[in-house]
Amino acid sequence: MKKLLKKVREKNRKKGFTLIEMLLVLFIIAVLLLLILPNMASQKDNVQAKGDEALQTTYDSQASLYQMDQDVTSKPSVDTLQSAGYLTDKQAKRMKEIGVE
């Protein structure tokens, strides 16, 4: 009879994680997220700033090329470079957004 009761108890015992273990895992994940997310946001800002610097360089080089090709001395506008095919639509749009001239 004792063996039968022991088998029933062992069979009914559920295996799994305790509430404390689950809370500990969630706490660790939250701490990791707090450490990682701010770093990712600052990296995005750095990448955007470098991209804007590259656009300024592109504008300067394409404006110089346009001046040599067209034999003009004044610096062309972004619209002029775009219509002449020196800049893509995407480049021109972003240059206007950040105020490149």
Protein backbone atom coordinates (compact mmCIF):
# COMPACT_ATOMS: atom_id res chain seq x y z
CA MET A 1 0.00 0.00 0.00
CA LYS A 2 2.85 2.39 0.83
CA LYS A 3 4.49 1.70 -2.52
CA LEU A 4 1.24 2.48 -4.32
CA LEU A 5 0.82 5.81 -2.48
CA LYS A 6 4.44 6.70 -3.23
CA LYS A 7 3.91 6.03 -6.94
CA VAL A 8 0.74 8.18 -7.00
CA ARG A 9 2.52 11.07 -5.28
CA GLU A 10 5.48 10.87 -7.67
CA LYS A 11 3.16 10.76 -10.65
CA ASN A 12 1.19 13.82 -9.49
CA ARG A 13 4.34 15.87 -8.81
CA LYS A 14 4.67 18.45 -11.58
CA LYS A 15 8.04 19.38 -12.92
CA GLY A 16 8.76 22.94 -13.99
CA PHE A 17 10.15 26.30 -12.97
CA THR A 18 9.24 28.02 -9.76
CA LEU A 19 7.90 31.55 -9.65
CA ILE A 20 11.16 32.81 -8.15
CA GLU A 21 13.19 31.30 -10.98
CA MET A 22 10.94 32.89 -13.59
CA LEU A 23 11.11 36.30 -11.86
CA LEU A 24 14.89 36.07 -11.71
CA VAL A 25 15.10 35.36 -15.44
CA LEU A 26 12.78 38.27 -16.24
CA PHE A 27 14.84 40.57 -14.03
CA ILE A 28 18.07 39.59 -15.80
CA ILE A 29 16.48 40.16 -19.20
CA ALA A 30 15.22 43.59 -18.11
CA VAL A 31 18.68 44.60 -16.88
CA LEU A 32 20.27 43.51 -20.15
CA LEU A 33 17.72 45.49 -22.14
CA LEU A 34 18.40 48.58 -20.04
CA LEU A 35 22.09 48.26 -20.84
CA ILE A 36 21.73 47.52 -24.56
CA LEU A 37 18.94 49.81 -25.80
CA PRO A 38 20.52 53.20 -24.94
CA ASN A 39 23.74 52.11 -26.63
CA MET A 40 21.84 51.18 -29.80
CA ALA A 41 20.10 54.57 -29.90
CA SER A 42 23.39 56.45 -29.66
CA GLN A 43 24.87 54.27 -32.41
CA LYS A 44 21.95 55.17 -34.67
CA ASP A 45 22.62 58.86 -34.09
CA ASN A 46 26.32 58.39 -34.89
CA VAL A 47 25.53 56.58 -38.12
CA GLN A 48 23.07 59.29 -39.15
CA ALA A 49 25.63 62.03 -38.48
CA LYS A 50 28.26 60.24 -40.55
CA GLY A 51 25.74 59.78 -43.36
CA ASP A 52 24.94 63.50 -43.32
CA GLU A 53 28.67 64.33 -43.47
CA ALA A 54 29.00 62.02 -46.47
CA LEU A 55 26.10 63.79 -48.17
CA GLN A 56 27.81 67.14 -47.64
CA THR A 57 30.96 65.74 -49.25
CA THR A 58 28.89 64.36 -52.13
CA TYR A 59 27.28 67.75 -52.65
CA ASP A 60 30.64 69.52 -52.65
CA SER A 61 32.19 67.11 -55.15
CA GLN A 62 29.17 67.07 -57.46
CA ALA A 63 28.92 70.87 -57.33
CA SER A 64 32.60 71.14 -58.32
CA LEU A 65 32.07 68.66 -61.14
CA TYR A 66 29.02 70.61 -62.34
CA GLN A 67 30.99 73.89 -62.25
CA MET A 68 33.76 72.35 -64.35
CA ASP A 69 31.37 70.73 -66.83
CA GLN A 70 29.17 73.80 -67.25
CA ASP A 71 32.00 76.34 -66.93
CA VAL A 72 30.24 78.37 -64.22
CA THR A 73 31.68 79.91 -61.07
CA SER A 74 28.61 80.07 -58.82
CA LYS A 75 27.79 77.06 -56.72
CA PRO A 76 24.68 75.27 -58.04
CA SER A 77 21.66 74.51 -55.90
CA VAL A 78 20.57 71.01 -54.97
CA ASP A 79 17.66 71.31 -57.41
CA THR A 80 20.03 72.26 -60.23
CA LEU A 81 22.29 69.30 -59.52
CA GLN A 82 19.31 66.97 -59.33
CA SER A 83 17.80 68.14 -62.60
CA ALA A 84 21.19 67.88 -64.33
CA GLY A 85 21.56 64.28 -63.15
CA TYR A 86 24.41 64.84 -60.69
CA LEU A 87 22.29 63.79 -57.68
CA THR A 88 19.64 61.13 -57.23
CA ASP A 89 16.16 62.01 -56.00
CA LYS A 90 16.89 60.35 -52.67
CA GLN A 91 20.12 62.31 -52.20
CA ALA A 92 18.45 65.58 -53.08
CA LYS A 93 15.55 64.96 -50.72
CA ARG A 94 17.86 64.20 -47.79
CA MET A 95 20.07 67.21 -48.61
CA LYS A 96 17.04 69.47 -48.45
CA GLU A 97 16.02 67.92 -45.12
CA ILE A 98 19.38 68.62 -43.49
CA GLY A 99 19.92 71.97 -45.20
CA VAL A 100 22.87 71.26 -47.49
CA GLU A 101 23.60 74.13 -49.86
